[in-house]
Amino acid sequence: MSEQHSSVDYEQVPEDYLQQRQLKSGAAGWILLAGLGVSYVISGEFAGWNFGLEHGGFGGMLLATIAMAIMYGAKVLSLAELSAALPTAGGGYSFARRALGPWGGYLTGSAILLEYVIAPAAIAVFIGAYVGELVGVDGPLVYAVFYAVFVGIHLLGTGEALRFMMVVTVIAVAGILVFVVAAIPHFSVANLFDIAVNESASGASTFLPQGYLGVWAAIPFAMWLFLAVEGVPLAAEEARDPARDLPRGIITAMLILLVFGGCVLVLVPGIAGADAMKAHGAPLVGALQSVYGEDSGAAMFVNVVGLAGLVASFFSIIYAYSRQVFALSRAGYLPRFLSVTGRRKVPTLSLIVPGFIGFGLSLSGEGDLMITIAVFGATISYALMTLSHIVLRQKEPNLLRPYKTPGGVFTSGIALVLSVVAFASTFVVNQEAALWSGLIYLLMIAYFGLYSRHHLVASAPEEEFEAIARAEQELI
């Protein structure tokens, strides 16, 4: 039996439907949420961002990073308001659902999924590179072991998983601090600009060896220094005090990441040369090896803890994709069996199924290609989330907002414009990857348009507000 409304249909579900789909509340305070935000991203400091040096040189990568730091800063301030006002496990999807309706919600949620399922696959490739540096073993076996172990830890329970994540993140942070201290004495400005100038590129110079277009092409890799920090609101239903803890957690995480991102961007090419680091699989390790030697204690330490940094992001983004799948499934946008939780209050299949998909993608070994695909999905979701902030400010001015974005819609407007610019950059870097991303995204949209929009669940938290609104309208 179903109830039709607008462009979607709602189906009746058993009375115990939501009882079978509950997360463990009160598992995370603001410090743990800030740690989660850093954990999502910290692998980007250890590997992946340096591919931007090849596309734009140091100057292009620097300008791209400044633009993306502004975009992420503005977006984080916008999400801090939205997450405090609408604290559900759906995160960005739930914000867009409230502001833009079912289609807007699904378009946002599916774009987030594209980002979060692909990102761990890319990180798995970088993990393989670090393991290869340590023990000489790389490839599918390494990817399989890491997926199996860390999905397994998540299955033990939310509290256990987040505590493990915090420990690994602290180790990774220590690695970055050691790298910074070891690198500073060997820094040379000349090393930043040793990439050969492409004389045929418009605006090419020592600062911009690939010209103006190089700045644009470096954007997806600049994003890798901050990508996935927006996942903090996905922990809303497991936070102790969402209205207070979510804004504090996500803003603190962003401030820490700005410092770390700036340090590695300048110091890695500054001690080893931008040309040598532009395609290195483990750039922090390679940079230290270039000045201290391959068997040096500093390089070995950063290699070991660099692996911890990659593990931290790999582990935490698994958490993020599972909560996004859980929320979309609970509301009927994805198959409902994916959101069933067991005795430990974890969504088992929401962890396992995307894990198998990610592992399959990691077998390509193309980390830089998968970064482009992840950025494609991320930028679409960023544009829709920041648009949701603007729409809700106009549509629901009286919505309770425990935290308000400084600058209001001007701030979210900056993030929206830069999100569109970043989206276009994926076609500059790798048109084939962008087209494949678009095809996958269209298939996900087709699933909603042809099937799941006729099988939504009205009692899900992200849908419930609309039922209340309809009831209020009927009383008028």
Protein backbone atom coordinates (compact mmCIF):
# COMPACT_ATOMS: atom_id res chain seq x y z
CA MET A 1 0.00 0.00 0.00
CA SER A 2 1.44 3.40 -0.93
CA GLU A 3 0.66 7.07 -0.68
CA GLN A 4 1.46 9.29 -3.64
CA HIS A 5 2.86 12.76 -3.10
CA SER A 6 4.41 15.09 -5.65
CA SER A 7 6.94 13.18 -7.76
CA VAL A 8 7.39 10.32 -5.28
CA ASP A 9 5.34 7.55 -3.67
CA TYR A 10 5.55 6.47 -0.02
CA GLU A 11 5.06 2.86 1.03
CA GLN A 12 3.82 1.66 4.37
CA VAL A 13 6.40 -0.31 6.36
CA PRO A 14 6.13 -2.59 9.44
CA GLU A 15 5.85 -0.91 12.85
CA ASP A 16 9.28 -2.17 13.86
CA TYR A 17 10.94 -0.88 10.67
CA LEU A 18 12.92 1.90 12.36
CA GLN A 19 13.71 -0.24 15.41
CA GLN A 20 15.64 -2.53 13.08
CA ARG A 21 17.59 0.48 11.79
CA GLN A 22 19.10 2.24 14.81
CA LEU A 23 22.61 3.58 15.36
CA LYS A 24 24.38 3.89 18.70
CA SER A 25 23.71 7.38 20.04
CA GLY A 26 26.07 9.32 22.30
CA ALA A 27 29.24 7.66 21.00
CA ALA A 28 31.06 10.85 19.94
CA GLY A 29 31.80 14.24 21.53
CA TRP A 30 33.22 17.24 19.67
CA ILE A 31 36.86 16.22 20.11
CA LEU A 32 36.17 12.82 18.61
CA LEU A 33 34.20 14.49 15.80
CA ALA A 34 37.13 16.83 15.09
CA GLY A 35 39.38 13.77 15.04
CA LEU A 36 36.97 12.12 12.63
CA GLY A 37 37.14 15.17 10.34
CA VAL A 38 40.95 15.12 10.33
CA SER A 39 40.95 11.36 9.89
CA TYR A 40 38.76 11.58 6.78
CA VAL A 41 41.31 13.78 5.06
CA ILE A 42 44.76 13.13 6.50
CA SER A 43 45.74 10.55 3.87
CA GLY A 44 45.55 13.42 1.37
CA GLU A 45 48.54 15.00 3.08
CA PHE A 46 50.58 11.81 2.65
CA ALA A 47 49.80 10.95 -0.98
CA GLY A 48 47.81 12.03 -4.02
CA TRP A 49 47.97 15.83 -3.81
CA ASN A 50 51.44 15.87 -5.38
CA PHE A 51 50.06 14.78 -8.78
CA GLY A 52 48.89 18.40 -9.03
CA LEU A 53 52.54 19.46 -9.36
CA GLU A 54 52.69 17.67 -12.68
CA HIS A 55 49.57 19.40 -13.96
CA GLY A 56 50.28 22.91 -12.70
CA GLY A 57 53.76 23.09 -11.21
CA PHE A 58 54.23 24.52 -7.72
CA GLY A 59 52.69 27.86 -8.64
CA GLY A 60 49.62 26.29 -10.21
CA MET A 61 49.19 23.94 -7.28
CA LEU A 62 49.62 26.79 -4.79
CA LEU A 63 46.94 28.95 -6.44
CA ALA A 64 44.60 25.96 -6.78
CA THR A 65 45.10 25.11 -3.10
CA ILE A 66 44.33 28.66 -2.00
CA ALA A 67 41.10 28.60 -4.04
CA MET A 68 40.09 25.23 -2.62
CA ALA A 69 40.96 26.28 0.93
CA ILE A 70 38.54 29.19 0.50
CA MET A 71 35.90 26.86 -0.94
CA TYR A 72 36.23 24.31 1.84
CA GLY A 73 36.38 26.96 4.55
CA ALA A 74 33.16 28.56 3.30
CA LYS A 75 31.51 25.17 2.85
CA VAL A 76 32.46 23.99 6.33
CA LEU A 77 30.95 27.11 7.88
CA SER A 78 27.75 26.49 5.89
CA LEU A 79 27.61 22.83 6.91
CA ALA A 80 28.20 23.75 10.55
CA GLU A 81 24.88 25.62 10.49
CA LEU A 82 23.01 22.91 8.59
CA SER A 83 24.32 20.04 10.72
CA ALA A 84 23.34 21.78 13.97
CA ALA A 85 19.87 22.57 12.64
CA LEU A 86 19.21 19.19 10.93
CA PRO A 87 21.21 16.52 12.78
CA THR A 88 20.53 13.20 11.02
CA ALA A 89 22.79 10.46 9.66
CA GLY A 90 21.99 11.60 6.13
CA GLY A 91 24.32 14.59 6.36
CA GLY A 92 24.44 16.46 3.05
CA TYR A 93 21.65 14.34 1.59
CA SER A 94 19.29 15.29 4.42
CA PHE A 95 20.10 19.01 4.04
CA ALA A 96 19.34 18.91 0.33
CA ARG A 97 16.23 16.78 0.91
CA ARG A 98 14.85 19.47 3.21
CA ALA A 99 15.74 22.35 0.89
CA LEU A 100 15.40 20.89 -2.60
CA GLY A 101 12.92 18.02 -2.26
CA PRO A 102 13.34 14.27 -2.95
CA TRP A 103 15.15 14.71 -6.25
CA GLY A 104 17.58 17.24 -4.78
CA GLY A 105 18.18 14.97 -1.80
CA TYR A 106 18.90 11.94 -3.94
CA LEU A 107 21.12 13.83 -6.38
CA THR A 108 23.19 15.02 -3.42
CA GLY A 109 23.28 11.68 -1.63
CA SER A 110 24.24 9.71 -4.73
CA ALA A 111 27.03 12.22 -5.54
CA ILE A 112 28.36 11.80 -2.00
CA LEU A 113 28.28 8.04 -2.45
CA LEU A 114 30.24 8.33 -5.68
CA GLU A 115 32.89 10.26 -3.76
CA TYR A 116 32.97 8.03 -0.67
CA VAL A 117 32.99 4.67 -2.42
CA ILE A 118 35.74 5.72 -4.85
CA ALA A 119 37.98 7.56 -2.35
CA PRO A 120 38.87 4.45 -0.26
CA ALA A 121 39.74 2.62 -3.49
CA ALA A 122 42.21 5.39 -4.36
CA ILE A 123 43.61 5.35 -0.82
CA ALA A 124 44.03 1.56 -1.02
CA VAL A 125 46.32 2.09 -4.03
CA PHE A 126 48.39 4.62 -2.06
CA ILE A 127 48.49 2.23 0.92
CA GLY A 128 49.92 -0.36 -1.45
CA ALA A 129 52.67 2.09 -2.45
CA TYR A 130 53.63 2.73 1.20
CA VAL A 131 53.54 -0.99 2.05
CA GLY A 132 55.66 -1.61 -1.02
CA GLU A 133 58.25 0.88 0.28
CA LEU A 134 58.29 -0.91 3.65
CA VAL A 135 58.18 -4.62 2.81
CA GLY A 136 58.22 -4.87 -0.97
CA VAL A 137 54.64 -6.19 -1.28
CA ASP A 138 52.01 -4.25 -3.24
CA GLY A 139 48.88 -4.86 -5.30
CA PRO A 140 45.58 -6.76 -4.90
CA LEU A 141 46.63 -8.80 -1.85
CA VAL A 142 47.42 -5.64 0.11
CA TYR A 143 44.14 -4.01 -0.97
CA ALA A 144 42.12 -7.10 0.00
CA VAL A 145 43.73 -7.42 3.44
CA PHE A 146 43.15 -3.77 4.30
CA TYR A 147 39.52 -3.80 3.16
CA ALA A 148 38.81 -7.02 5.09
CA VAL A 149 40.51 -5.92 8.32
CA PHE A 150 39.11 -2.42 8.54
CA VAL A 151 35.57 -3.20 7.45
CA GLY A 152 35.77 -5.94 10.10
CA ILE A 153 36.76 -3.46 12.82
CA HIS A 154 33.75 -1.30 11.94
CA LEU A 155 31.50 -4.32 12.36
CA LEU A 156 32.59 -4.54 16.03
CA GLY A 157 30.71 -1.33 16.87
CA THR A 158 30.76 2.44 16.49
CA GLY A 159 32.51 3.27 19.77
CA GLU A 160 35.26 0.76 19.15
CA ALA A 161 35.73 1.95 15.56
CA LEU A 162 35.92 5.65 16.45
CA ARG A 163 38.39 5.06 19.28
CA PHE A 164 40.61 3.05 16.94
CA MET A 165 40.33 5.83 14.37
CA MET A 166 41.39 8.42 16.93
CA VAL A 167 44.52 6.49 17.92
CA VAL A 168 45.60 5.99 14.30
CA THR A 169 44.93 9.65 13.51
CA VAL A 170 47.10 10.83 16.41
CA ILE A 171 49.94 8.63 15.11
CA ALA A 172 49.51 10.12 11.62
CA VAL A 173 49.56 13.66 13.00
CA ALA A 174 52.82 12.83 14.79
CA GLY A 175 54.23 11.72 11.44
CA ILE A 176 53.41 15.04 9.79
CA LEU A 177 54.96 16.97 12.69
CA VAL A 178 58.16 14.89 12.46
CA PHE A 179 58.26 15.47 8.70
CA VAL A 180 57.90 19.24 9.14
CA VAL A 181 60.69 19.42 11.74
CA ALA A 182 63.00 17.23 9.62
CA ALA A 183 62.24 19.11 6.39
CA ILE A 184 62.60 22.76 7.44
CA PRO A 185 66.44 22.80 7.63
CA HIS A 186 66.68 21.53 4.03
CA PHE A 187 64.11 23.82 2.45
CA SER A 188 65.12 25.80 -0.64
CA VAL A 189 62.85 28.09 -2.63
CA ALA A 190 64.69 27.14 -5.85
CA ASN A 191 63.48 23.54 -5.50
CA LEU A 192 59.87 24.67 -5.85
CA PHE A 193 60.37 25.84 -9.42
CA ASP A 194 62.48 23.13 -11.08
CA ILE A 195 59.77 21.80 -13.41
CA ALA A 196 60.51 22.55 -17.07
CA VAL A 197 58.39 25.33 -18.56
CA ASN A 198 55.95 24.33 -21.29
CA GLU A 199 56.62 27.15 -23.72
CA SER A 200 53.51 26.36 -25.76
CA ALA A 201 51.14 26.88 -22.80
CA SER A 202 49.43 30.25 -22.47
CA GLY A 203 50.91 32.22 -19.57
CA ALA A 204 53.69 29.70 -18.99
CA SER A 205 56.49 30.78 -16.64
CA THR A 206 58.77 29.34 -13.99
CA PHE A 207 55.97 29.94 -11.48
CA LEU A 208 53.30 28.42 -13.78
CA PRO A 209 55.17 25.90 -15.96
CA GLN A 210 51.92 24.68 -17.54
CA GLY A 211 50.46 28.16 -17.88
CA TYR A 212 47.10 29.41 -16.66
CA LEU A 213 45.31 26.18 -17.55
CA GLY A 214 47.63 24.37 -15.15
CA VAL A 215 46.00 26.13 -12.20
CA TRP A 216 42.63 24.73 -13.22
CA ALA A 217 44.04 21.27 -13.86
CA ALA A 218 45.62 21.20 -10.38
CA ILE A 219 42.30 21.83 -8.61
CA PRO A 220 41.23 18.16 -8.14
CA PHE A 221 44.57 17.41 -6.48
CA ALA A 222 44.40 20.52 -4.32
CA MET A 223 41.01 19.25 -3.17
CA TRP A 224 42.67 16.02 -2.04
CA LEU A 225 44.20 18.03 0.84
CA PHE A 226 40.68 18.64 2.22
CA LEU A 227 38.42 16.10 0.52
CA ALA A 228 35.82 14.40 2.79
CA VAL A 229 35.97 16.77 5.78
CA GLU A 230 32.30 17.37 4.96
CA GLY A 231 31.62 13.86 6.27
CA VAL A 232 31.54 14.97 9.92
CA PRO A 233 27.73 15.60 9.90
CA LEU A 234 27.20 11.93 8.98
CA ALA A 235 27.93 11.17 12.65
CA ALA A 236 25.01 13.33 13.82
CA GLU A 237 22.88 10.49 15.20
CA GLU A 238 25.88 9.13 17.09
CA ALA A 239 26.97 12.49 18.57
CA ARG A 240 26.37 13.35 22.22
CA ASP A 241 25.14 16.91 21.63
CA PRO A 242 24.76 17.44 17.86
CA ALA A 243 23.76 21.12 18.04
CA ARG A 244 26.96 22.02 19.88
CA ASP A 245 29.41 19.29 18.93
CA LEU A 246 28.98 19.13 15.14
CA PRO A 247 29.91 22.79 14.42
CA ARG A 248 32.84 22.69 16.84
CA GLY A 249 34.06 19.40 15.45
CA ILE A 250 33.97 20.23 11.74
CA ILE A 251 35.42 23.76 12.12
CA THR A 252 38.28 22.53 14.33
CA ALA A 253 39.07 19.78 11.84
CA MET A 254 39.20 22.28 8.97
CA LEU A 255 41.59 24.60 10.81
CA ILE A 256 43.98 21.71 11.52
CA LEU A 257 43.84 20.57 7.89
CA LEU A 258 44.63 24.06 6.60
CA VAL A 259 47.88 24.05 8.59
CA PHE A 260 48.88 20.51 7.56
CA GLY A 261 48.00 21.09 3.90
CA GLY A 262 50.10 24.25 3.73
CA CYS A 263 53.09 22.55 5.35
CA VAL A 264 53.28 19.56 3.01
CA LEU A 265 52.53 21.62 -0.10
CA VAL A 266 55.52 23.87 0.53
CA LEU A 267 58.00 21.52 2.21
CA VAL A 268 57.77 18.38 0.06
CA PRO A 269 58.81 20.07 -3.22
CA GLY A 270 60.89 22.56 -1.25
CA ILE A 271 63.37 19.93 -0.11
CA ALA A 272 63.23 17.35 -2.91
CA GLY A 273 62.23 19.40 -5.93
CA ALA A 274 58.79 19.66 -7.51
CA ASP A 275 59.88 17.66 -10.56
CA ALA A 276 61.02 14.66 -8.47
CA MET A 277 57.86 14.68 -6.36
CA LYS A 278 55.21 15.25 -9.04
CA ALA A 279 54.44 11.54 -9.52
CA HIS A 280 55.87 9.95 -6.37
CA GLY A 281 53.62 7.37 -4.69
CA ALA A 282 54.83 8.30 -1.18
CA PRO A 283 55.93 11.95 -1.46
CA LEU A 284 56.72 12.68 2.21
CA VAL A 285 58.91 9.59 2.38
CA GLY A 286 60.55 10.35 -0.97
CA ALA A 287 61.27 13.93 0.09
CA LEU A 288 63.04 12.86 3.29
CA GLN A 289 64.94 10.12 1.46
CA SER A 290 66.27 12.73 -0.95
CA VAL A 291 68.03 14.62 1.86
CA TYR A 292 68.61 12.02 4.58
CA GLY A 293 69.09 8.85 2.52
CA GLU A 294 66.83 5.90 1.76
CA ASP A 295 67.59 4.04 5.00
CA SER A 296 67.40 7.08 7.29
CA GLY A 297 65.46 6.90 10.52
CA ALA A 298 63.38 9.98 9.64
CA ALA A 299 62.27 8.55 6.29
CA MET A 300 61.52 5.16 7.82
CA PHE A 301 59.48 6.71 10.65
CA VAL A 302 57.42 8.87 8.29
CA ASN A 303 56.88 5.84 6.03
CA VAL A 304 55.45 3.82 8.92
CA VAL A 305 53.25 6.61 10.29
CA GLY A 306 52.39 7.68 6.75
CA LEU A 307 50.82 4.29 6.40
CA ALA A 308 48.90 5.10 9.59
CA GLY A 309 47.66 8.32 7.95
CA LEU A 310 46.43 6.45 4.91
CA VAL A 311 44.79 3.87 7.16
CA ALA A 312 43.08 6.63 9.16
CA SER A 313 41.39 8.08 6.08
CA PHE A 314 40.70 4.69 4.56
CA PHE A 315 39.09 3.57 7.81
CA SER A 316 37.07 6.72 8.46
CA ILE A 317 35.73 7.08 4.91
CA ILE A 318 34.48 3.49 5.19
CA TYR A 319 32.52 4.80 8.19
CA ALA A 320 31.26 7.73 6.09
CA TYR A 321 30.04 5.68 3.14
CA SER A 322 28.31 3.23 5.45
CA ARG A 323 26.32 6.02 7.14
CA GLN A 324 25.38 7.60 3.81
CA VAL A 325 24.22 4.23 2.45
CA PHE A 326 22.39 3.60 5.74
CA ALA A 327 20.47 6.89 5.59
CA LEU A 328 19.53 6.58 1.91
CA SER A 329 18.49 2.96 2.39
CA ARG A 330 16.46 3.66 5.55
CA ALA A 331 14.43 6.23 3.60
CA GLY A 332 13.98 3.86 0.63
CA TYR A 333 16.23 5.68 -1.87
CA LEU A 334 18.47 2.59 -1.92
CA PRO A 335 17.42 -1.04 -1.26
CA ARG A 336 16.09 -1.18 2.30
CA PHE A 337 17.94 -4.31 3.35
CA LEU A 338 21.18 -2.30 3.31
CA SER A 339 20.14 -0.27 6.39
CA VAL A 340 19.29 -3.11 8.79
CA THR A 341 21.40 -2.89 11.96
CA GLY A 342 22.22 -5.76 14.30
CA ARG A 343 22.91 -6.14 18.01
CA ARG A 344 25.96 -3.84 17.83
CA LYS A 345 23.92 -1.06 16.13
CA VAL A 346 26.04 -1.02 12.97
CA PRO A 347 24.64 -1.25 9.41
CA THR A 348 26.39 -4.46 8.36
CA LEU A 349 25.57 -4.54 4.66
CA SER A 350 26.09 -0.79 4.32
CA LEU A 351 29.70 -1.52 5.28
CA ILE A 352 30.26 -4.70 3.28
CA VAL A 353 28.59 -4.08 -0.10
CA PRO A 354 30.34 -0.77 -0.93
CA GLY A 355 33.55 -2.36 0.35
CA PHE A 356 33.37 -5.04 -2.33
CA ILE A 357 32.72 -2.38 -4.98
CA GLY A 358 35.66 -0.28 -3.78
CA PHE A 359 37.99 -3.27 -3.72
CA GLY A 360 37.06 -4.11 -7.28
CA LEU A 361 37.85 -0.55 -8.37
CA SER A 362 41.18 -0.54 -6.51
CA LEU A 363 42.39 -3.41 -8.72
CA SER A 364 42.88 -0.89 -11.51
CA GLY A 365 45.81 0.54 -9.55
CA GLU A 366 45.02 4.00 -10.98
CA GLY A 367 45.04 6.19 -7.87
CA ASP A 368 45.18 9.49 -9.75
CA LEU A 369 42.30 8.42 -12.01
CA MET A 370 40.14 7.56 -8.99
CA ILE A 371 40.93 10.92 -7.39
CA THR A 372 39.35 12.57 -10.44
CA ILE A 373 36.23 10.38 -10.15
CA ALA A 374 35.91 11.06 -6.41
CA VAL A 375 36.27 14.81 -7.01
CA PHE A 376 33.56 14.65 -9.72
CA GLY A 377 31.06 13.32 -7.18
CA ALA A 378 32.31 15.57 -4.39
CA THR A 379 31.93 18.82 -6.34
CA ILE A 380 28.36 18.02 -7.37
CA SER A 381 27.44 17.36 -3.74
CA TYR A 382 29.22 20.54 -2.60
CA ALA A 383 27.27 22.68 -5.04
CA LEU A 384 23.96 21.15 -3.95
CA MET A 385 24.75 21.34 -0.21
CA THR A 386 25.74 25.00 -0.35
CA LEU A 387 22.72 25.75 -2.54
CA SER A 388 20.63 24.06 0.17
CA HIS A 389 22.05 26.47 2.74
CA ILE A 390 20.98 29.42 0.59
CA VAL A 391 17.51 27.99 -0.11
CA LEU A 392 16.80 27.14 3.55
CA ARG A 393 17.82 30.64 4.66
CA GLN A 394 15.09 31.96 2.32
CA LYS A 395 12.57 29.15 2.62
CA GLU A 396 12.72 28.56 6.40
CA PRO A 397 14.03 31.73 8.08
CA ASN A 398 12.54 30.62 11.42
CA LEU A 399 14.25 27.21 11.45
CA LEU A 400 16.06 26.77 14.78
CA ARG A 401 19.75 27.33 14.03
CA PRO A 402 21.93 26.75 17.12
CA TYR A 403 24.91 27.87 15.03
CA LYS A 404 24.74 30.48 12.24
CA THR A 405 27.21 30.74 9.37
CA PRO A 406 29.29 33.94 9.51
CA GLY A 407 28.45 35.93 6.39
CA GLY A 408 25.27 33.94 5.80
CA VAL A 409 24.39 33.22 2.18
CA PHE A 410 27.37 35.25 0.94
CA THR A 411 29.66 32.64 2.49
CA SER A 412 27.74 29.68 1.06
CA GLY A 413 27.53 31.53 -2.28
CA ILE A 414 31.33 31.65 -2.49
CA ALA A 415 31.48 27.92 -1.84
CA LEU A 416 28.80 27.29 -4.48
CA VAL A 417 30.64 29.23 -7.21
CA LEU A 418 33.98 27.58 -6.45
CA SER A 419 32.30 24.15 -6.39
CA VAL A 420 31.12 24.68 -9.97
CA VAL A 421 34.64 25.76 -10.99
CA ALA A 422 36.09 22.65 -9.32
CA PHE A 423 33.55 20.42 -11.06
CA ALA A 424 34.58 21.77 -14.46
CA SER A 425 38.24 21.10 -13.62
CA THR A 426 37.67 17.33 -13.68
CA PHE A 427 37.13 17.56 -17.44
CA VAL A 428 40.41 19.47 -17.81
CA VAL A 429 42.44 16.86 -15.89
CA ASN A 430 41.01 13.67 -17.36
CA GLN A 431 38.07 13.91 -19.70
CA GLU A 432 37.71 10.14 -19.93
CA ALA A 433 37.51 9.77 -16.14
CA ALA A 434 34.98 12.61 -15.94
CA LEU A 435 32.81 10.99 -18.63
CA TRP A 436 32.91 7.62 -16.86
CA SER A 437 31.97 9.40 -13.62
CA GLY A 438 29.05 11.02 -15.39
CA LEU A 439 27.87 7.67 -16.72
CA ILE A 440 27.96 6.06 -13.27
CA TYR A 441 26.10 9.04 -11.82
CA LEU A 442 23.44 8.85 -14.53
CA LEU A 443 22.89 5.16 -13.80
CA MET A 444 22.35 5.99 -10.12
CA ILE A 445 19.87 8.70 -11.09
CA ALA A 446 18.06 6.28 -13.40
CA TYR A 447 17.60 3.84 -10.49
CA PHE A 448 15.84 6.55 -8.50
CA GLY A 449 13.78 7.84 -11.41
CA LEU A 450 12.58 4.43 -12.55
CA TYR A 451 12.23 2.58 -9.26
CA SER A 452 13.12 3.84 -5.80
CA ARG A 453 11.20 7.14 -5.90
CA HIS A 454 8.03 5.01 -5.89
CA HIS A 455 9.11 3.13 -2.74
CA LEU A 456 10.14 5.76 -0.19
CA VAL A 457 9.57 5.51 3.57
CA ALA A 458 7.62 8.43 5.06
CA SER A 459 8.67 7.65 8.65
CA ALA A 460 12.40 8.01 7.97
CA PRO A 461 13.84 11.09 9.76
CA GLU A 462 14.76 12.81 6.50
CA GLU A 463 11.21 12.36 5.15
CA GLU A 464 9.24 12.87 8.35
CA PHE A 465 9.33 16.67 8.23
CA GLU A 466 7.41 16.62 4.93
CA ALA A 467 4.65 14.50 6.44
CA ILE A 468 4.37 17.02 9.29
CA ALA A 469 4.27 19.90 6.81
CA ARG A 470 1.50 18.21 4.81
CA ALA A 471 -0.52 17.63 7.98
CA GLU A 472 -0.17 21.29 8.93
CA GLN A 473 -1.32 22.37 5.48
CA GLU A 474 -4.42 20.18 5.77
CA LEU A 475 -5.35 21.94 9.03
CA ILE A 476 -5.24 25.38 7.41
